[in-house]
PDB file of N, CA and C in Angstrom:
ATOM      1  N   MET A   1       0.847  -1.172   0.000  1.00  0.00           N
ATOM      2  CA  MET A   1       0.000   0.000   0.000  1.00  0.00           C
ATOM      3  C   MET A   1       0.893   1.236   0.000  1.00  0.00           C
ATOM      4  N   TYR A   2       0.573   2.166  -0.853  1.00  0.00           N
ATOM      5  CA  TYR A   2       1.349   3.390  -0.975  1.00  0.00           C
ATOM      6  C   TYR A   2       0.644   4.516  -0.233  1.00  0.00           C
ATOM      7  N   LEU A   3       1.380   5.189   0.619  1.00  0.00           N
ATOM      8  CA  LEU A   3       0.850   6.357   1.310  1.00  0.00           C
ATOM      9  C   LEU A   3       1.618   7.568   0.835  1.00  0.00           C
ATOM     10  N   PHE A   4       0.915   8.566   0.450  1.00  0.00           N
ATOM     11  CA  PHE A   4       1.564   9.778  -0.060  1.00  0.00           C
ATOM     12  C   PHE A   4       0.768  10.975   0.443  1.00  0.00           C
ATOM     13  N   TYR A   5       1.420  11.810   1.225  1.00  0.00           N
ATOM     14  CA  TYR A   5       0.779  12.982   1.785  1.00  0.00           C
ATOM     15  C   TYR A   5       1.530  14.217   1.330  1.00  0.00           C
ATOM     16  N   ILE A   6       0.806  15.242   0.993  1.00  0.00           N
ATOM     17  CA  ILE A   6       1.413  16.526   0.658  1.00  0.00           C
ATOM     18  C   ILE A   6       0.810  17.576   1.570  1.00  0.00           C
ATOM     19  N   PHE A   7       1.675  18.320   2.248  1.00  0.00           N
ATOM     20  CA  PHE A   7       1.254  19.403   3.110  1.00  0.00           C
ATOM     21  C   PHE A   7       1.762  20.700   2.508  1.00  0.00           C
ATOM     22  N   LEU A   8       0.905  21.657   2.279  1.00  0.00           N
ATOM     23  CA  LEU A   8       1.327  22.944   1.745  1.00  0.00           C
ATOM     24  C   LEU A   8       1.529  23.917   2.887  1.00  0.00           C
ATOM     25  N   VAL A   9       2.695  24.509   2.918  1.00  0.00           N
ATOM     26  CA  VAL A   9       3.012  25.556   3.871  1.00  0.00           C
ATOM     27  C   VAL A   9       3.554  26.719   3.063  1.00  0.00           C
ATOM     28  N   PRO A  10       3.556  27.930   3.578  1.00  0.00           N
ATOM     29  CA  PRO A  10       3.980  29.082   2.790  1.00  0.00           C
ATOM     30  C   PRO A  10       5.331  28.870   2.106  1.00  0.00           C
ATOM     31  N   ALA A  11       5.343  29.050   0.816  1.00  0.00           N
ATOM     32  CA  ALA A  11       6.534  29.026  -0.025  1.00  0.00           C
ATOM     33  C   ALA A  11       7.248  27.684  -0.091  1.00  0.00           C
ATOM     34  N   CYS A  12       6.605  26.591   0.275  1.00  0.00           N
ATOM     35  CA  CYS A  12       7.279  25.301   0.127  1.00  0.00           C
ATOM     36  C   CYS A  12       6.276  24.163   0.126  1.00  0.00           C
ATOM     37  N   THR A  13       6.718  23.032  -0.361  1.00  0.00           N
ATOM     38  CA  THR A  13       5.924  21.817  -0.326  1.00  0.00           C
ATOM     39  C   THR A  13       6.748  20.753   0.377  1.00  0.00           C
ATOM     40  N   ILE A  14       6.149  20.056   1.288  1.00  0.00           N
ATOM     41  CA  ILE A  14       6.834  18.969   1.982  1.00  0.00           C
ATOM     42  C   ILE A  14       6.092  17.688   1.630  1.00  0.00           C
ATOM     43  N   SER A  15       6.789  16.717   1.091  1.00  0.00           N
ATOM     44  CA  SER A  15       6.185  15.451   0.693  1.00  0.00           C
ATOM     45  C   SER A  15       6.757  14.335   1.546  1.00  0.00           C
ATOM     46  N   PHE A  16       5.920  13.417   1.974  1.00  0.00           N
ATOM     47  CA  PHE A  16       6.348  12.268   2.747  1.00  0.00           C
ATOM     48  C   PHE A  16       6.026  11.008   1.953  1.00  0.00           C
ATOM     49  N   LEU A  17       7.018  10.191   1.699  1.00  0.00           N
ATOM     50  CA  LEU A  17       6.826   8.942   0.976  1.00  0.00           C
ATOM     51  C   LEU A  17       7.761   7.907   1.588  1.00  0.00           C
ATOM     52  N   TYR A  18       7.200   6.871   2.156  1.00  0.00           N
ATOM     53  CA  TYR A  18       7.993   5.819   2.783  1.00  0.00           C
ATOM     54  C   TYR A  18       8.950   6.341   3.851  1.00  0.00           C
ATOM     55  N   GLY A  19       8.572   7.355   4.553  1.00  0.00           N
ATOM     56  CA  GLY A  19       9.406   7.868   5.615  1.00  0.00           C
ATOM     57  C   GLY A  19      10.486   8.831   5.162  1.00  0.00           C
ATOM     58  N   TYR A  20      10.612   9.042   3.856  1.00  0.00           N
ATOM     59  CA  TYR A  20      11.601   9.992   3.345  1.00  0.00           C
ATOM     60  C   TYR A  20      10.928  11.347   3.155  1.00  0.00           C
ATOM     61  N   THR A  21      11.665  12.390   3.410  1.00  0.00           N
ATOM     62  CA  THR A  21      11.135  13.746   3.269  1.00  0.00           C
ATOM     63  C   THR A  21      11.867  14.448   2.144  1.00  0.00           C
ATOM     64  N   THR A  22      11.116  15.043   1.257  1.00  0.00           N
ATOM     65  CA  THR A  22      11.724  15.901   0.234  1.00  0.00           C
ATOM     66  C   THR A  22      11.199  17.299   0.453  1.00  0.00           C
ATOM     67  N   PHE A  23      12.017  18.269   0.147  1.00  0.00           N
ATOM     68  CA  PHE A  23      11.657  19.667   0.360  1.00  0.00           C
ATOM     69  C   PHE A  23      11.824  20.393  -0.961  1.00  0.00           C
ATOM     70  N   GLU A  24      10.788  21.056  -1.393  1.00  0.00           N
ATOM     71  CA  GLU A  24      10.819  21.779  -2.657  1.00  0.00           C
ATOM     72  C   GLU A  24      10.390  23.214  -2.403  1.00  0.00           C
ATOM     73  N   VAL A  25      11.185  24.169  -2.830  1.00  0.00           N
ATOM     74  CA  VAL A  25      10.844  25.579  -2.670  1.00  0.00           C
ATOM     75  C   VAL A  25      10.056  26.017  -3.893  1.00  0.00           C
ATOM     76  N   ILE A  26       8.945  26.632  -3.648  1.00  0.00           N
ATOM     77  CA  ILE A  26       8.109  27.161  -4.715  1.00  0.00           C
ATOM     78  C   ILE A  26       8.296  28.665  -4.743  1.00  0.00           C
ATOM     79  N   THR A  27       8.741  29.181  -5.852  1.00  0.00           N
ATOM     80  CA  THR A  27       8.953  30.614  -5.994  1.00  0.00           C
ATOM     81  C   THR A  27       7.635  31.265  -6.406  1.00  0.00           C
ATOM     82  N   LEU A  28       7.181  32.211  -5.618  1.00  0.00           N
ATOM     83  CA  LEU A  28       5.952  32.916  -5.946  1.00  0.00           C
ATOM     84  C   LEU A  28       6.217  33.879  -7.087  1.00  0.00           C
ATOM     85  N   LYS A  29       5.333  33.892  -8.073  1.00  0.00           N
ATOM     86  CA  LYS A  29       5.482  34.755  -9.236  1.00  0.00           C
ATOM     87  C   LYS A  29       4.467  35.893  -9.165  1.00  0.00           C
ATOM     88  N   TYR A  30       4.901  37.074  -9.553  1.00  0.00           N
ATOM     89  CA  TYR A  30       4.069  38.266  -9.561  1.00  0.00           C
ATOM     90  C   TYR A  30       4.072  38.848 -10.972  1.00  0.00           C
ATOM     91  N   PRO A  31       3.079  39.670 -11.307  1.00  0.00           N
ATOM     92  CA  PRO A  31       3.029  40.265 -12.650  1.00  0.00           C
ATOM     93  C   PRO A  31       4.212  41.191 -12.939  1.00  0.00           C
ATOM     94  N   ASP A  32       4.685  41.897 -11.889  1.00  0.00           N
ATOM     95  CA  ASP A  32       5.806  42.822 -12.081  1.00  0.00           C
ATOM     96  C   ASP A  32       6.414  43.193 -10.724  1.00  0.00           C
ATOM     97  N   LEU A  33       7.433  44.035 -10.783  1.00  0.00           N
ATOM     98  CA  LEU A  33       8.135  44.477  -9.577  1.00  0.00           C
ATOM     99  C   LEU A  33       7.185  45.128  -8.574  1.00  0.00           C
ATOM    100  N   TYR A  34       6.283  45.947  -9.058  1.00  0.00           N
ATOM    101  CA  TYR A  34       5.416  46.711  -8.153  1.00  0.00           C
ATOM    102  C   TYR A  34       4.442  45.806  -7.404  1.00  0.00           C
ATOM    103  N   ALA A  35       3.940  44.764  -8.051  1.00  0.00           N
ATOM    104  CA  ALA A  35       3.075  43.794  -7.371  1.00  0.00           C
ATOM    105  C   ALA A  35       3.884  43.019  -6.329  1.00  0.00           C
ATOM    106  N   LEU A  36       5.118  42.669  -6.682  1.00  0.00           N
ATOM    107  CA  LEU A  36       6.005  41.978  -5.739  1.00  0.00           C
ATOM    108  C   LEU A  36       6.236  42.825  -4.494  1.00  0.00           C
ATOM    109  N   LEU A  37       6.584  44.096  -4.688  1.00  0.00           N
ATOM    110  CA  LEU A  37       6.873  44.974  -3.557  1.00  0.00           C
ATOM    111  C   LEU A  37       5.644  45.229  -2.707  1.00  0.00           C
ATOM    112  N   ALA A  38       4.476  45.267  -3.329  1.00  0.00           N
ATOM    113  CA  ALA A  38       3.233  45.510  -2.592  1.00  0.00           C
ATOM    114  C   ALA A  38       2.832  44.305  -1.745  1.00  0.00           C
ATOM    115  N   ASP A  39       3.198  43.103  -2.185  1.00  0.00           N
ATOM    116  CA  ASP A  39       2.719  41.890  -1.522  1.00  0.00           C
ATOM    117  C   ASP A  39       3.774  41.179  -0.674  1.00  0.00           C
ATOM    118  N   ALA A  40       5.045  41.491  -0.885  1.00  0.00           N
ATOM    119  CA  ALA A  40       6.114  40.782  -0.186  1.00  0.00           C
ATOM    120  C   ALA A  40       6.975  41.770   0.605  1.00  0.00           C
ATOM    121  N   PRO A  41       6.702  41.928   1.896  1.00  0.00           N
ATOM    122  CA  PRO A  41       7.437  42.900   2.718  1.00  0.00           C
ATOM    123  C   PRO A  41       8.954  42.669   2.715  1.00  0.00           C
ATOM    124  N   GLU A  42       9.378  41.426   2.678  1.00  0.00           N
ATOM    125  CA  GLU A  42      10.809  41.125   2.672  1.00  0.00           C
ATOM    126  C   GLU A  42      11.462  41.645   1.381  1.00  0.00           C
ATOM    127  N   ALA A  43      10.781  41.494   0.266  1.00  0.00           N
ATOM    128  CA  ALA A  43      11.296  41.996  -1.010  1.00  0.00           C
ATOM    129  C   ALA A  43      11.325  43.518  -1.008  1.00  0.00           C
ATOM    130  N   LYS A  44      10.293  44.134  -0.456  1.00  0.00           N
ATOM    131  CA  LYS A  44      10.247  45.602  -0.390  1.00  0.00           C
ATOM    132  C   LYS A  44      11.393  46.139   0.466  1.00  0.00           C
ATOM    133  N   GLN A  45      11.623  45.513   1.597  1.00  0.00           N
ATOM    134  CA  GLN A  45      12.707  45.931   2.490  1.00  0.00           C
ATOM    135  C   GLN A  45      14.060  45.781   1.790  1.00  0.00           C
ATOM    136  N   TYR A  46      14.256  44.681   1.087  1.00  0.00           N
ATOM    137  CA  TYR A  46      15.498  44.440   0.345  1.00  0.00           C
ATOM    138  C   TYR A  46      15.679  45.512  -0.730  1.00  0.00           C
ATOM    139  N   PHE A  47      14.618  45.773  -1.500  1.00  0.00           N
ATOM    140  CA  PHE A  47      14.668  46.759  -2.580  1.00  0.00           C
ATOM    141  C   PHE A  47      15.008  48.145  -2.042  1.00  0.00           C
ATOM    142  N   GLU A  48      14.401  48.527  -0.933  1.00  0.00           N
ATOM    143  CA  GLU A  48      14.632  49.860  -0.356  1.00  0.00           C
ATOM    144  C   GLU A  48      16.064  50.050   0.145  1.00  0.00           C
ATOM    145  N   LYS A  49      16.769  48.960   0.457  1.00  0.00           N
ATOM    146  CA  LYS A  49      18.147  49.055   0.933  1.00  0.00           C
ATOM    147  C   LYS A  49      19.166  49.111  -0.208  1.00  0.00           C
ATOM    148  N   LEU A  50      18.712  48.882  -1.432  1.00  0.00           N
ATOM    149  CA  LEU A  50      19.625  48.922  -2.579  1.00  0.00           C
ATOM    150  C   LEU A  50      20.025  50.356  -2.888  1.00  0.00           C
ATOM    151  N   PRO A  51      21.206  50.555  -3.475  1.00  0.00           N
ATOM    152  CA  PRO A  51      21.600  51.908  -3.888  1.00  0.00           C
ATOM    153  C   PRO A  51      20.609  52.482  -4.914  1.00  0.00           C
ATOM    154  N   ASP A  52      20.521  53.803  -4.943  1.00  0.00           N
ATOM    155  CA  ASP A  52      19.571  54.473  -5.835  1.00  0.00           C
ATOM    156  C   ASP A  52      19.716  54.030  -7.283  1.00  0.00           C
ATOM    157  N   TYR A  53      20.948  53.971  -7.785  1.00  0.00           N
ATOM    158  CA  TYR A  53      21.135  53.643  -9.191  1.00  0.00           C
ATOM    159  C   TYR A  53      20.662  52.218  -9.513  1.00  0.00           C
ATOM    160  N   VAL A  54      20.774  51.306  -8.543  1.00  0.00           N
ATOM    161  CA  VAL A  54      20.312  49.932  -8.752  1.00  0.00           C
ATOM    162  C   VAL A  54      18.784  49.896  -8.773  1.00  0.00           C
ATOM    163  N   ARG A  55      18.153  50.614  -7.839  1.00  0.00           N
ATOM    164  CA  ARG A  55      16.680  50.674  -7.825  1.00  0.00           C
ATOM    165  C   ARG A  55      16.146  51.283  -9.119  1.00  0.00           C
ATOM    166  N   GLU A  56      16.800  52.336  -9.589  1.00  0.00           N
ATOM    167  CA  GLU A  56      16.361  52.978 -10.833  1.00  0.00           C
ATOM    168  C   GLU A  56      16.486  52.022 -12.019  1.00  0.00           C
ATOM    169  N   GLN A  57      17.600  51.326 -12.098  1.00  0.00           N
ATOM    170  CA  GLN A  57      17.821  50.391 -13.203  1.00  0.00           C
ATOM    171  C   GLN A  57      16.803  49.254 -13.175  1.00  0.00           C
ATOM    172  N   ILE A  58      16.550  48.712 -11.989  1.00  0.00           N
ATOM    173  CA  ILE A  58      15.565  47.634 -11.853  1.00  0.00           C
ATOM    174  C   ILE A  58      14.180  48.139 -12.218  1.00  0.00           C
ATOM    175  N   SER A  59      13.851  49.361 -11.824  1.00  0.00           N
ATOM    176  CA  SER A  59      12.532  49.928 -12.115  1.00  0.00           C
ATOM    177  C   SER A  59      12.293  50.096 -13.612  1.00  0.00           C
ATOM    178  N   THR A  60      13.366  50.296 -14.382  1.00  0.00           N
ATOM    179  CA  THR A  60      13.185  50.454 -15.833  1.00  0.00           C
ATOM    180  C   THR A  60      12.768  49.142 -16.481  1.00  0.00           C
ATOM    181  N   ARG A  61      12.988  48.033 -15.790  1.00  0.00           N
ATOM    182  CA  ARG A  61      12.601  46.715 -16.312  1.00  0.00           C
ATOM    183  C   ARG A  61      11.671  46.012 -15.322  1.00  0.00           C
ATOM    184  N   ALA A  62      10.735  46.760 -14.784  1.00  0.00           N
ATOM    185  CA  ALA A  62       9.834  46.249 -13.745  1.00  0.00           C
ATOM    186  C   ALA A  62       9.057  45.016 -14.193  1.00  0.00           C
ATOM    187  N   ASN A  63       8.722  44.916 -15.473  1.00  0.00           N
ATOM    188  CA  ASN A  63       7.958  43.755 -15.951  1.00  0.00           C
ATOM    189  C   ASN A  63       8.775  42.468 -15.920  1.00  0.00           C
ATOM    190  N   GLY A  64      10.092  42.579 -15.895  1.00  0.00           N
ATOM    191  CA  GLY A  64      10.940  41.398 -15.866  1.00  0.00           C
ATOM    192  C   GLY A  64      11.249  40.882 -14.476  1.00  0.00           C
ATOM    193  N   VAL A  65      10.786  41.593 -13.461  1.00  0.00           N
ATOM    194  CA  VAL A  65      11.033  41.187 -12.068  1.00  0.00           C
ATOM    195  C   VAL A  65       9.719  40.649 -11.517  1.00  0.00           C
ATOM    196  N   ASN A  66       9.627  39.313 -11.417  1.00  0.00           N
ATOM    197  CA  ASN A  66       8.350  38.716 -11.005  1.00  0.00           C
ATOM    198  C   ASN A  66       8.451  37.821  -9.774  1.00  0.00           C
ATOM    199  N   SER A  67       9.622  37.854  -9.103  1.00  0.00           N
ATOM    200  CA  SER A  67       9.790  37.083  -7.869  1.00  0.00           C
ATOM    201  C   SER A  67      10.913  37.719  -7.049  1.00  0.00           C
ATOM    202  N   PHE A  68      10.964  37.382  -5.775  1.00  0.00           N
ATOM    203  CA  PHE A  68      12.037  37.886  -4.921  1.00  0.00           C
ATOM    204  C   PHE A  68      13.374  37.371  -5.448  1.00  0.00           C
ATOM    205  N   GLU A  69      13.384  36.128  -5.916  1.00  0.00           N
ATOM    206  CA  GLU A  69      14.612  35.548  -6.467  1.00  0.00           C
ATOM    207  C   GLU A  69      15.094  36.334  -7.686  1.00  0.00           C
ATOM    208  N   SER A  70      14.182  36.702  -8.583  1.00  0.00           N
ATOM    209  CA  SER A  70      14.603  37.461  -9.768  1.00  0.00           C
ATOM    210  C   SER A  70      15.057  38.870  -9.383  1.00  0.00           C
ATOM    211  N   LEU A  71      14.462  39.445  -8.349  1.00  0.00           N
ATOM    212  CA  LEU A  71      14.899  40.750  -7.855  1.00  0.00           C
ATOM    213  C   LEU A  71      16.328  40.663  -7.326  1.00  0.00           C
ATOM    214  N   ARG A  72      16.601  39.658  -6.505  1.00  0.00           N
ATOM    215  CA  ARG A  72      17.961  39.482  -5.971  1.00  0.00           C
ATOM    216  C   ARG A  72      18.978  39.217  -7.072  1.00  0.00           C
ATOM    217  N   ASP A  73      18.602  38.379  -8.039  1.00  0.00           N
ATOM    218  CA  ASP A  73      19.518  38.073  -9.140  1.00  0.00           C
ATOM    219  C   ASP A  73      19.856  39.320  -9.941  1.00  0.00           C
ATOM    220  N   TYR A  74      18.840  40.110 -10.257  1.00  0.00           N
ATOM    221  CA  TYR A  74      19.046  41.332 -11.030  1.00  0.00           C
ATOM    222  C   TYR A  74      19.933  42.306 -10.247  1.00  0.00           C
ATOM    223  N   ALA A  75      19.629  42.492  -8.973  1.00  0.00           N
ATOM    224  CA  ALA A  75      20.423  43.396  -8.129  1.00  0.00           C
ATOM    225  C   ALA A  75      21.869  42.901  -8.018  1.00  0.00           C
ATOM    226  N   ASP A  76      22.049  41.594  -7.835  1.00  0.00           N
ATOM    227  CA  ASP A  76      23.402  41.033  -7.750  1.00  0.00           C
ATOM    228  C   ASP A  76      24.193  41.313  -9.031  1.00  0.00           C
ATOM    229  N   ASN A  77      23.550  41.165 -10.176  1.00  0.00           N
ATOM    230  CA  ASN A  77      24.221  41.449 -11.451  1.00  0.00           C
ATOM    231  C   ASN A  77      24.635  42.911 -11.537  1.00  0.00           C
ATOM    232  N   LEU A  78      23.779  43.807 -11.088  1.00  0.00           N
ATOM    233  CA  LEU A  78      24.087  45.235 -11.151  1.00  0.00           C
ATOM    234  C   LEU A  78      25.170  45.618 -10.143  1.00  0.00           C
ATOM    235  N   LEU A  79      25.174  44.955  -8.998  1.00  0.00           N
ATOM    236  CA  LEU A  79      26.137  45.278  -7.939  1.00  0.00           C
ATOM    237  C   LEU A  79      27.488  44.596  -8.134  1.00  0.00           C
ATOM    238  N   ARG A  80      27.556  43.649  -9.013  1.00  0.00           N
ATOM    239  CA  ARG A  80      28.783  42.870  -9.203  1.00  0.00           C
ATOM    240  C   ARG A  80      30.007  43.757  -9.479  1.00  0.00           C
ATOM    241  N   GLY A  81      29.815  44.865 -10.153  1.00  0.00           N
ATOM    242  CA  GLY A  81      30.920  45.748 -10.459  1.00  0.00           C
ATOM    243  C   GLY A  81      31.272  46.737  -9.351  1.00  0.00           C
ATOM    244  N   ASP A  82      30.556  46.678  -8.224  1.00  0.00           N
ATOM    245  CA  ASP A  82      30.779  47.641  -7.132  1.00  0.00           C
ATOM    246  C   ASP A  82      31.866  47.232  -6.150  1.00  0.00           C
ATOM    247  N   ASP A  83      32.528  46.100  -6.357  1.00  0.00           N
ATOM    248  CA  ASP A  83      33.531  45.626  -5.402  1.00  0.00           C
ATOM    249  C   ASP A  83      34.680  46.506  -5.296  1.00  0.00           C
TER     250      ASP A  83
END
């Protein structure tokens, strides 16, 4: 007999099968940067701490930023030359 349970918790799925646990992170997608910032306080706080020029550059491509992960990736790319 196969038992398979899925429990949904914020931003992740935990599956139990035969006593083994797998963990999968689900990235929440938003229509654009502004929807992300309005709905995700952690993303808004991160965005507000970025330098002005990085925020401006990201804002010019707001439609391409649809998750906290994509926001961090974009910011990391822009900041890479600041070392």
